[in-house]
Amino acid sequence: MNGSPVPRDFGLLTPAEVKALPHEAAADALKSMLGWVDIFVAKPHPERVSGKPESPLAVCPFMPGSLKRRLTWFALAQRIIDSPADVISEVERYRVPLKELQPTFGIDARFKTIIVVFPTVTPEMAPEFIDAVHATVSADYKSDGLMLGEFHAESQKSGKYNSLFFPLRSPVPAMAIRLMVATDSKFLLVESDDPLKDLENCKAYAAAMPSMEPPPDNVQEMGAILLGLIEEIEKRVSESPSGGKNGDEGGQENDGQDFQEDDSEDTPEA
């Protein structure tokens, strides 16, 4: 046990409500995370795309639309985080509420985002409590039509378009949940040494898509993209002498399961 006091229950807070919180440690953690989202995540960055410092897209092109529509909420972990299971439980608390928050249909519904902040998770704990948790549960969230992002100050995941850019390094450890959109179909690939995992992700999402609430936008387009991905991966697996794994350990690259690598600007349907 890390000895930190039990965090206050602020509930789900809008950015304006986070800014209005009184000065105290828990509130300051939320304010720090909001500031990072405002000035970094939702803004263009010259290092986002290697060799293209003039790129107009935000570090996460999804976030400006979410903030503009006032569909971003922040939450503080409501327990002392003593194990990865505690992180899983805290994030799970918001799976259903995210879908039930208004609006529940239409384009705007796809911009809903909840960012869960874990101020008692130390930098030393983060690889096990944030990165490993994300790796363990992200496929389950994707099968439910949700994208899960992981953030902490020591993240080793580099940007997809610049291996020297680390977009997931936040001032406070956090996990974020949002609904998947049509352009997220390409993020079902984990881009690792395991095409079988890619295949599992794609098939799980395809199976869950018809029953998702709210339903995905551009269902037919998404279905066609998924079918193409599944066929491509199955072919790659069948042609691989190792049964799909190429044995290349490599470094960590942002696999797109977070909020940082969607090339669509502002709208999920772009």
C-alpha atoms as a PDB file:
ATOM      1  CA  MET A   1       0.000   0.000   0.000  1.00  0.00           C
ATOM      2  CA  ASN A   2       1.453   3.372  -0.995  1.00  0.00           C
ATOM      3  CA  GLY A   3       0.135   5.310   2.026  1.00  0.00           C
ATOM      4  CA  SER A   4      -1.679   7.998   0.057  1.00  0.00           C
ATOM      5  CA  PRO A   5      -5.036   9.270   1.338  1.00  0.00           C
ATOM      6  CA  VAL A   6      -8.208   8.001  -0.327  1.00  0.00           C
ATOM      7  CA  PRO A   7      -8.998  10.411  -3.189  1.00  0.00           C
ATOM      8  CA  ARG A   8     -12.050  12.643  -3.030  1.00  0.00           C
ATOM      9  CA  ASP A   9     -15.047  11.700  -5.134  1.00  0.00           C
ATOM     10  CA  PHE A  10     -15.487  14.607  -7.527  1.00  0.00           C
ATOM     11  CA  GLY A  11     -17.606  12.579  -9.936  1.00  0.00           C
ATOM     12  CA  LEU A  12     -17.446  13.328 -13.652  1.00  0.00           C
ATOM     13  CA  LEU A  13     -16.253  16.856 -14.271  1.00  0.00           C
ATOM     14  CA  THR A  14     -16.278  19.062 -17.336  1.00  0.00           C
ATOM     15  CA  PRO A  15     -13.139  21.115 -18.095  1.00  0.00           C
ATOM     16  CA  ALA A  16     -14.858  24.217 -16.675  1.00  0.00           C
ATOM     17  CA  GLU A  17     -15.664  22.369 -13.447  1.00  0.00           C
ATOM     18  CA  VAL A  18     -12.085  21.106 -13.163  1.00  0.00           C
ATOM     19  CA  LYS A  19     -10.772  24.667 -13.471  1.00  0.00           C
ATOM     20  CA  ALA A  20     -13.141  25.834 -10.728  1.00  0.00           C
ATOM     21  CA  LEU A  21     -11.984  23.244  -8.158  1.00  0.00           C
ATOM     22  CA  PRO A  22     -10.291  24.584  -5.011  1.00  0.00           C
ATOM     23  CA  HIS A  23      -6.567  24.161  -4.636  1.00  0.00           C
ATOM     24  CA  GLU A  24      -5.709  20.745  -3.191  1.00  0.00           C
ATOM     25  CA  ALA A  25      -3.615  17.788  -4.305  1.00  0.00           C
ATOM     26  CA  ALA A  26      -6.404  15.776  -5.928  1.00  0.00           C
ATOM     27  CA  ALA A  27      -7.850  18.776  -7.735  1.00  0.00           C
ATOM     28  CA  ASP A  28      -4.397  19.838  -8.875  1.00  0.00           C
ATOM     29  CA  ALA A  29      -3.880  16.423 -10.507  1.00  0.00           C
ATOM     30  CA  LEU A  30      -7.056  16.908 -12.530  1.00  0.00           C
ATOM     31  CA  LYS A  31      -6.065  20.469 -13.449  1.00  0.00           C
ATOM     32  CA  SER A  32      -2.632  19.306 -14.534  1.00  0.00           C
ATOM     33  CA  MET A  33      -4.146  16.680 -16.815  1.00  0.00           C
ATOM     34  CA  LEU A  34      -6.630  19.170 -18.261  1.00  0.00           C
ATOM     35  CA  GLY A  35      -3.838  21.639 -18.950  1.00  0.00           C
ATOM     36  CA  TRP A  36      -1.842  18.969 -20.786  1.00  0.00           C
ATOM     37  CA  VAL A  37      -4.866  18.045 -22.915  1.00  0.00           C
ATOM     38  CA  ASP A  38      -5.546  21.716 -23.697  1.00  0.00           C
ATOM     39  CA  ILE A  39      -2.045  22.864 -24.603  1.00  0.00           C
ATOM     40  CA  PHE A  40      -0.532  19.649 -25.986  1.00  0.00           C
ATOM     41  CA  VAL A  41      -2.981  16.913 -26.975  1.00  0.00           C
ATOM     42  CA  ALA A  42      -5.514  19.193 -28.662  1.00  0.00           C
ATOM     43  CA  LYS A  43      -2.929  21.396 -30.406  1.00  0.00           C
ATOM     44  CA  PRO A  44      -0.644  20.874 -33.427  1.00  0.00           C
ATOM     45  CA  HIS A  45       2.954  19.930 -32.633  1.00  0.00           C
ATOM     46  CA  PRO A  46       5.958  20.324 -34.957  1.00  0.00           C
ATOM     47  CA  GLU A  47       7.299  16.876 -34.037  1.00  0.00           C
ATOM     48  CA  ARG A  48       4.066  14.929 -34.595  1.00  0.00           C
ATOM     49  CA  VAL A  49       5.009  14.030 -38.161  1.00  0.00           C
ATOM     50  CA  SER A  50       8.722  13.664 -38.837  1.00  0.00           C
ATOM     51  CA  GLY A  51       9.874  16.188 -41.434  1.00  0.00           C
ATOM     52  CA  LYS A  52       6.531  18.030 -41.481  1.00  0.00           C
ATOM     53  CA  PRO A  53       6.637  20.639 -38.694  1.00  0.00           C
ATOM     54  CA  GLU A  54       3.866  22.586 -40.443  1.00  0.00           C
ATOM     55  CA  SER A  55       1.296  19.759 -40.022  1.00  0.00           C
ATOM     56  CA  PRO A  56      -2.016  21.426 -39.052  1.00  0.00           C
ATOM     57  CA  LEU A  57      -3.423  18.419 -37.191  1.00  0.00           C
ATOM     58  CA  ALA A  58      -3.482  18.296 -33.412  1.00  0.00           C
ATOM     59  CA  VAL A  59      -1.407  15.682 -31.606  1.00  0.00           C
ATOM     60  CA  CYS A  60      -4.754  13.924 -31.231  1.00  0.00           C
ATOM     61  CA  PRO A  61      -7.014  15.186 -34.041  1.00  0.00           C
ATOM     62  CA  PHE A  62     -10.007  13.732 -32.182  1.00  0.00           C
ATOM     63  CA  MET A  63      -9.692  15.951 -29.107  1.00  0.00           C
ATOM     64  CA  PRO A  64     -10.429  19.440 -30.503  1.00  0.00           C
ATOM     65  CA  GLY A  65     -13.857  18.238 -31.643  1.00  0.00           C
ATOM     66  CA  SER A  66     -14.551  16.622 -28.271  1.00  0.00           C
ATOM     67  CA  LEU A  67     -13.560  19.749 -26.352  1.00  0.00           C
ATOM     68  CA  LYS A  68     -15.422  22.084 -28.710  1.00  0.00           C
ATOM     69  CA  ARG A  69     -18.632  20.086 -28.243  1.00  0.00           C
ATOM     70  CA  ARG A  70     -18.129  19.994 -24.448  1.00  0.00           C
ATOM     71  CA  LEU A  71     -18.105  16.207 -24.504  1.00  0.00           C
ATOM     72  CA  THR A  72     -14.887  15.647 -22.537  1.00  0.00           C
ATOM     73  CA  TRP A  73     -15.109  14.662 -18.877  1.00  0.00           C
ATOM     74  CA  PHE A  74     -12.459  14.072 -16.233  1.00  0.00           C
ATOM     75  CA  ALA A  75     -12.669  11.669 -13.288  1.00  0.00           C
ATOM     76  CA  LEU A  76     -10.400  10.913 -10.355  1.00  0.00           C
ATOM     77  CA  ALA A  77      -9.648   7.338  -9.299  1.00  0.00           C
ATOM     78  CA  GLN A  78     -11.805   6.616  -6.264  1.00  0.00           C
ATOM     79  CA  ARG A  79      -9.534   4.247  -4.391  1.00  0.00           C
ATOM     80  CA  ILE A  80      -5.950   3.747  -3.336  1.00  0.00           C
ATOM     81  CA  ILE A  81      -4.299   2.015  -6.285  1.00  0.00           C
ATOM     82  CA  ASP A  82      -2.461  -0.974  -4.855  1.00  0.00           C
ATOM     83  CA  SER A  83      -2.593  -3.321  -7.847  1.00  0.00           C
ATOM     84  CA  PRO A  84      -3.266  -3.382 -11.583  1.00  0.00           C
ATOM     85  CA  ALA A  85      -6.664  -4.866 -10.743  1.00  0.00           C
ATOM     86  CA  ASP A  86      -7.544  -1.599  -9.001  1.00  0.00           C
ATOM     87  CA  VAL A  87      -6.832   0.316 -12.204  1.00  0.00           C
ATOM     88  CA  ILE A  88      -8.969  -2.101 -14.213  1.00  0.00           C
ATOM     89  CA  SER A  89     -11.858  -1.649 -11.756  1.00  0.00           C
ATOM     90  CA  GLU A  90     -11.622   2.138 -11.836  1.00  0.00           C
ATOM     91  CA  VAL A  91     -11.692   2.310 -15.617  1.00  0.00           C
ATOM     92  CA  GLU A  92     -14.500  -0.252 -15.794  1.00  0.00           C
ATOM     93  CA  ARG A  93     -16.691   2.042 -13.693  1.00  0.00           C
ATOM     94  CA  TYR A  94     -17.029   4.360 -16.692  1.00  0.00           C
ATOM     95  CA  ARG A  95     -17.655   1.862 -19.497  1.00  0.00           C
ATOM     96  CA  VAL A  96     -21.461   2.007 -19.224  1.00  0.00           C
ATOM     97  CA  PRO A  97     -21.747   5.678 -18.135  1.00  0.00           C
ATOM     98  CA  LEU A  98     -19.795   6.764 -21.219  1.00  0.00           C
ATOM     99  CA  LYS A  99     -22.432   5.222 -23.456  1.00  0.00           C
ATOM    100  CA  GLU A 100     -25.319   6.588 -21.378  1.00  0.00           C
ATOM    101  CA  LEU A 101     -24.080  10.174 -21.234  1.00  0.00           C
ATOM    102  CA  GLN A 102     -25.950  12.495 -23.564  1.00  0.00           C
ATOM    103  CA  PRO A 103     -25.967  12.559 -26.520  1.00  0.00           C
ATOM    104  CA  THR A 104     -26.554   8.866 -27.145  1.00  0.00           C
ATOM    105  CA  PHE A 105     -26.934   8.980 -30.927  1.00  0.00           C
ATOM    106  CA  GLY A 106     -25.723  10.961 -33.918  1.00  0.00           C
ATOM    107  CA  ILE A 107     -22.285  12.252 -34.834  1.00  0.00           C
ATOM    108  CA  ASP A 108     -21.820  14.163 -31.580  1.00  0.00           C
ATOM    109  CA  ALA A 109     -22.223  10.963 -29.545  1.00  0.00           C
ATOM    110  CA  ARG A 110     -18.970   9.717 -31.052  1.00  0.00           C
ATOM    111  CA  PHE A 111     -17.024  12.585 -29.481  1.00  0.00           C
ATOM    112  CA  LYS A 112     -17.701  11.577 -25.865  1.00  0.00           C
ATOM    113  CA  THR A 113     -14.516  11.023 -23.869  1.00  0.00           C
ATOM    114  CA  ILE A 114     -13.810  10.229 -20.215  1.00  0.00           C
ATOM    115  CA  ILE A 115     -10.266  10.655 -18.880  1.00  0.00           C
ATOM    116  CA  VAL A 116      -9.641   8.815 -15.591  1.00  0.00           C
ATOM    117  CA  VAL A 117      -6.722  10.230 -13.605  1.00  0.00           C
ATOM    118  CA  PHE A 118      -4.579   8.148 -11.223  1.00  0.00           C
ATOM    119  CA  PRO A 119      -2.505  10.567  -9.084  1.00  0.00           C
ATOM    120  CA  THR A 120      -1.408   7.836  -6.642  1.00  0.00           C
ATOM    121  CA  VAL A 121       0.246   5.777  -9.384  1.00  0.00           C
ATOM    122  CA  THR A 122       3.948   6.630  -9.245  1.00  0.00           C
ATOM    123  CA  PRO A 123       6.335   6.643 -12.238  1.00  0.00           C
ATOM    124  CA  GLU A 124       7.785   3.373 -10.982  1.00  0.00           C
ATOM    125  CA  MET A 125       4.334   1.776 -10.893  1.00  0.00           C
ATOM    126  CA  ALA A 126       3.191   3.072 -14.284  1.00  0.00           C
ATOM    127  CA  PRO A 127       4.618   0.357 -16.591  1.00  0.00           C
ATOM    128  CA  GLU A 128       2.761  -2.355 -14.654  1.00  0.00           C
ATOM    129  CA  PHE A 129      -0.302  -0.386 -13.602  1.00  0.00           C
ATOM    130  CA  ILE A 130      -0.925   1.608 -16.798  1.00  0.00           C
ATOM    131  CA  ASP A 131       0.873   0.035 -19.787  1.00  0.00           C
ATOM    132  CA  ALA A 132       0.325  -3.588 -18.789  1.00  0.00           C
ATOM    133  CA  VAL A 133      -3.310  -2.966 -17.879  1.00  0.00           C
ATOM    134  CA  HIS A 134      -3.903  -1.378 -21.279  1.00  0.00           C
ATOM    135  CA  ALA A 135      -2.318  -4.358 -23.018  1.00  0.00           C
ATOM    136  CA  THR A 136      -4.491  -6.727 -20.993  1.00  0.00           C
ATOM    137  CA  VAL A 137      -7.927  -5.124 -21.404  1.00  0.00           C
ATOM    138  CA  SER A 138      -7.837  -3.033 -24.595  1.00  0.00           C
ATOM    139  CA  ALA A 139      -9.042  -5.894 -26.810  1.00  0.00           C
ATOM    140  CA  ASP A 140     -12.079  -6.384 -24.581  1.00  0.00           C
ATOM    141  CA  TYR A 141     -12.917  -2.680 -24.816  1.00  0.00           C
ATOM    142  CA  LYS A 142     -12.535  -2.730 -28.579  1.00  0.00           C
ATOM    143  CA  SER A 143     -14.934  -5.657 -28.797  1.00  0.00           C
ATOM    144  CA  ASP A 144     -17.409  -3.379 -26.995  1.00  0.00           C
ATOM    145  CA  GLY A 145     -16.839  -0.566 -29.499  1.00  0.00           C
ATOM    146  CA  LEU A 146     -14.578   1.449 -27.215  1.00  0.00           C
ATOM    147  CA  MET A 147     -11.070   2.815 -27.570  1.00  0.00           C
ATOM    148  CA  LEU A 148      -8.836   2.837 -24.510  1.00  0.00           C
ATOM    149  CA  GLY A 149      -5.812   5.091 -24.151  1.00  0.00           C
ATOM    150  CA  GLU A 150      -2.966   4.921 -21.643  1.00  0.00           C
ATOM    151  CA  PHE A 151      -0.848   7.862 -20.490  1.00  0.00           C
ATOM    152  CA  HIS A 152       1.979   8.502 -18.036  1.00  0.00           C
ATOM    153  CA  ALA A 153       5.179  10.513 -17.835  1.00  0.00           C
ATOM    154  CA  GLU A 154       7.544   7.649 -18.711  1.00  0.00           C
ATOM    155  CA  SER A 155       5.613   6.162 -21.635  1.00  0.00           C
ATOM    156  CA  GLN A 156       7.925   4.529 -24.158  1.00  0.00           C
ATOM    157  CA  LYS A 157       5.399   4.430 -26.987  1.00  0.00           C
ATOM    158  CA  SER A 158       6.514   6.684 -29.795  1.00  0.00           C
ATOM    159  CA  GLY A 159       4.358   8.383 -32.381  1.00  0.00           C
ATOM    160  CA  LYS A 160       3.313   6.502 -35.467  1.00  0.00           C
ATOM    161  CA  TYR A 161       4.765   9.167 -37.741  1.00  0.00           C
ATOM    162  CA  ASN A 162       7.861  10.059 -35.710  1.00  0.00           C
ATOM    163  CA  SER A 163       9.730   7.487 -33.635  1.00  0.00           C
ATOM    164  CA  LEU A 164      11.325  10.284 -31.573  1.00  0.00           C
ATOM    165  CA  PHE A 165       7.989  11.809 -30.548  1.00  0.00           C
ATOM    166  CA  PHE A 166       6.259  10.457 -27.427  1.00  0.00           C
ATOM    167  CA  PRO A 167       2.662  11.697 -27.420  1.00  0.00           C
ATOM    168  CA  LEU A 168       1.480   9.597 -24.472  1.00  0.00           C
ATOM    169  CA  ARG A 169       3.736  11.231 -21.869  1.00  0.00           C
ATOM    170  CA  SER A 170       1.311  12.978 -19.566  1.00  0.00           C
ATOM    171  CA  PRO A 171       2.024  14.834 -16.309  1.00  0.00           C
ATOM    172  CA  VAL A 172      -0.255  12.478 -14.350  1.00  0.00           C
ATOM    173  CA  PRO A 173      -0.979   8.793 -15.054  1.00  0.00           C
ATOM    174  CA  ALA A 174      -4.353   8.350 -16.737  1.00  0.00           C
ATOM    175  CA  MET A 175      -6.541   6.079 -18.819  1.00  0.00           C
ATOM    176  CA  ALA A 176      -9.040   7.457 -21.309  1.00  0.00           C
ATOM    177  CA  ILE A 177     -12.143   5.926 -22.874  1.00  0.00           C
ATOM    178  CA  ARG A 178     -14.042   6.987 -25.956  1.00  0.00           C
ATOM    179  CA  LEU A 179     -16.358   5.369 -28.475  1.00  0.00           C
ATOM    180  CA  MET A 180     -14.840   3.958 -31.636  1.00  0.00           C
ATOM    181  CA  VAL A 181     -15.503   5.686 -34.944  1.00  0.00           C
ATOM    182  CA  ALA A 182     -15.280   4.516 -38.543  1.00  0.00           C
ATOM    183  CA  THR A 183     -11.678   5.626 -38.945  1.00  0.00           C
ATOM    184  CA  ASP A 184     -10.629   3.536 -35.922  1.00  0.00           C
ATOM    185  CA  SER A 185     -10.953   0.308 -37.872  1.00  0.00           C
ATOM    186  CA  LYS A 186      -7.305   0.608 -38.882  1.00  0.00           C
ATOM    187  CA  PHE A 187      -6.366   0.806 -35.210  1.00  0.00           C
ATOM    188  CA  LEU A 188      -7.556  -2.721 -34.631  1.00  0.00           C
ATOM    189  CA  LEU A 189      -4.097  -3.730 -35.812  1.00  0.00           C
ATOM    190  CA  VAL A 190      -1.620  -3.836 -32.954  1.00  0.00           C
ATOM    191  CA  GLU A 191       1.357  -3.574 -35.315  1.00  0.00           C
ATOM    192  CA  SER A 192       3.316  -6.013 -33.191  1.00  0.00           C
ATOM    193  CA  ASP A 193       4.974  -9.316 -33.986  1.00  0.00           C
ATOM    194  CA  ASP A 194       1.649 -11.110 -33.590  1.00  0.00           C
ATOM    195  CA  PRO A 195      -0.758 -10.984 -36.568  1.00  0.00           C
ATOM    196  CA  LEU A 196      -2.900 -13.526 -34.726  1.00  0.00           C
ATOM    197  CA  LYS A 197      -3.632 -10.817 -32.146  1.00  0.00           C
ATOM    198  CA  ASP A 198      -4.562  -8.443 -34.972  1.00  0.00           C
ATOM    199  CA  LEU A 199      -6.935 -11.080 -36.317  1.00  0.00           C
ATOM    200  CA  GLU A 200      -8.489 -11.589 -32.887  1.00  0.00           C
ATOM    201  CA  ASN A 201      -9.061  -7.832 -32.494  1.00  0.00           C
ATOM    202  CA  CYS A 202     -10.676  -7.454 -35.917  1.00  0.00           C
ATOM    203  CA  LYS A 203     -12.968 -10.452 -35.524  1.00  0.00           C
ATOM    204  CA  ALA A 204     -14.029  -9.408 -32.012  1.00  0.00           C
ATOM    205  CA  TYR A 205     -14.944  -5.923 -33.180  1.00  0.00           C
ATOM    206  CA  ALA A 206     -16.738  -7.200 -36.283  1.00  0.00           C
ATOM    207  CA  ALA A 207     -18.783  -9.603 -34.149  1.00  0.00           C
ATOM    208  CA  ALA A 208     -19.724  -6.903 -31.647  1.00  0.00           C
ATOM    209  CA  MET A 209     -20.489  -4.133 -34.132  1.00  0.00           C
ATOM    210  CA  PRO A 210     -24.145  -5.052 -34.914  1.00  0.00           C
ATOM    211  CA  SER A 211     -25.167  -4.835 -31.244  1.00  0.00           C
ATOM    212  CA  MET A 212     -23.200  -1.704 -30.275  1.00  0.00           C
ATOM    213  CA  GLU A 213     -25.121   1.115 -28.596  1.00  0.00           C
ATOM    214  CA  PRO A 214     -24.989   3.745 -29.897  1.00  0.00           C
ATOM    215  CA  PRO A 215     -24.372   2.092 -33.274  1.00  0.00           C
ATOM    216  CA  PRO A 216     -21.184   3.058 -35.135  1.00  0.00           C
ATOM    217  CA  ASP A 217     -21.445   5.681 -37.837  1.00  0.00           C
ATOM    218  CA  ASN A 218     -20.902   4.431 -41.393  1.00  0.00           C
ATOM    219  CA  VAL A 219     -21.580   0.801 -40.446  1.00  0.00           C
ATOM    220  CA  GLN A 220     -21.349  -0.452 -44.034  1.00  0.00           C
ATOM    221  CA  GLU A 221     -18.044   1.339 -44.611  1.00  0.00           C
ATOM    222  CA  MET A 222     -16.664  -0.013 -41.352  1.00  0.00           C
ATOM    223  CA  GLY A 223     -17.789  -3.533 -42.193  1.00  0.00           C
ATOM    224  CA  ALA A 224     -16.071  -3.405 -45.570  1.00  0.00           C
ATOM    225  CA  ILE A 225     -12.841  -2.139 -44.001  1.00  0.00           C
ATOM    226  CA  LEU A 226     -12.932  -4.853 -41.350  1.00  0.00           C
ATOM    227  CA  LEU A 227     -13.542  -7.572 -43.930  1.00  0.00           C
ATOM    228  CA  GLY A 228     -10.544  -6.360 -45.907  1.00  0.00           C
ATOM    229  CA  LEU A 229      -8.358  -6.309 -42.800  1.00  0.00           C
ATOM    230  CA  ILE A 230      -9.409  -9.813 -41.783  1.00  0.00           C
ATOM    231  CA  GLU A 231      -8.697 -11.209 -45.240  1.00  0.00           C
ATOM    232  CA  GLU A 232      -5.315  -9.455 -45.353  1.00  0.00           C
ATOM    233  CA  ILE A 233      -4.258 -10.749 -41.928  1.00  0.00           C
ATOM    234  CA  GLU A 234      -5.475 -14.296 -42.616  1.00  0.00           C
ATOM    235  CA  LYS A 235      -3.397 -14.336 -45.774  1.00  0.00           C
ATOM    236  CA  ARG A 236      -0.367 -13.030 -43.881  1.00  0.00           C
ATOM    237  CA  VAL A 237      -0.806 -15.686 -41.177  1.00  0.00           C
ATOM    238  CA  SER A 238      -1.196 -18.511 -43.704  1.00  0.00           C
ATOM    239  CA  GLU A 239       1.963 -17.445 -45.562  1.00  0.00           C
ATOM    240  CA  SER A 240       4.063 -17.133 -42.419  1.00  0.00           C
ATOM    241  CA  PRO A 241       6.230 -20.196 -41.642  1.00  0.00           C
ATOM    242  CA  SER A 242       6.070 -19.322 -37.931  1.00  0.00           C
ATOM    243  CA  GLY A 243       2.282 -19.293 -37.852  1.00  0.00           C
ATOM    244  CA  GLY A 244       1.972 -15.524 -37.738  1.00  0.00           C
ATOM    245  CA  LYS A 245       4.744 -14.381 -35.400  1.00  0.00           C
ATOM    246  CA  ASN A 246       7.815 -12.983 -37.075  1.00  0.00           C
ATOM    247  CA  GLY A 247       9.963 -12.973 -33.943  1.00  0.00           C
ATOM    248  CA  ASP A 248      10.870  -9.313 -34.233  1.00  0.00           C
ATOM    249  CA  GLU A 249      10.750  -7.904 -30.747  1.00  0.00           C
ATOM    250  CA  GLY A 250      11.482  -4.326 -31.822  1.00  0.00           C
ATOM    251  CA  GLY A 251      10.768  -1.209 -29.806  1.00  0.00           C
ATOM    252  CA  GLN A 252       7.415  -0.002 -28.637  1.00  0.00           C
ATOM    253  CA  GLU A 253       5.452   2.032 -31.114  1.00  0.00           C
ATOM    254  CA  ASN A 254       2.144   3.693 -30.467  1.00  0.00           C
ATOM    255  CA  ASP A 255      -0.239   1.088 -31.842  1.00  0.00           C
ATOM    256  CA  GLY A 256      -3.114   3.467 -32.356  1.00  0.00           C
ATOM    257  CA  GLN A 257      -5.208   2.011 -29.548  1.00  0.00           C
ATOM    258  CA  ASP A 258      -5.008   5.339 -27.760  1.00  0.00           C
ATOM    259  CA  PHE A 259      -6.159   8.784 -28.779  1.00  0.00           C
ATOM    260  CA  GLN A 260      -3.127  10.036 -30.598  1.00  0.00           C
ATOM    261  CA  GLU A 261      -2.858   8.656 -34.072  1.00  0.00           C
ATOM    262  CA  ASP A 262      -6.148   9.148 -35.917  1.00  0.00           C
ATOM    263  CA  ASP A 263      -5.495  11.207 -39.042  1.00  0.00           C
ATOM    264  CA  SER A 264      -9.080  12.457 -39.184  1.00  0.00           C
ATOM    265  CA  GLU A 265      -9.386  16.099 -38.269  1.00  0.00           C
ATOM    266  CA  ASP A 266     -12.150  17.095 -35.853  1.00  0.00           C
ATOM    267  CA  THR A 267     -14.874  14.719 -37.023  1.00  0.00           C
ATOM    268  CA  PRO A 268     -15.134  10.940 -36.615  1.00  0.00           C
ATOM    269  CA  GLU A 269     -16.502  10.671 -40.126  1.00  0.00           C
ATOM    270  CA  ALA A 270     -13.597  12.448 -41.820  1.00  0.00           C
END
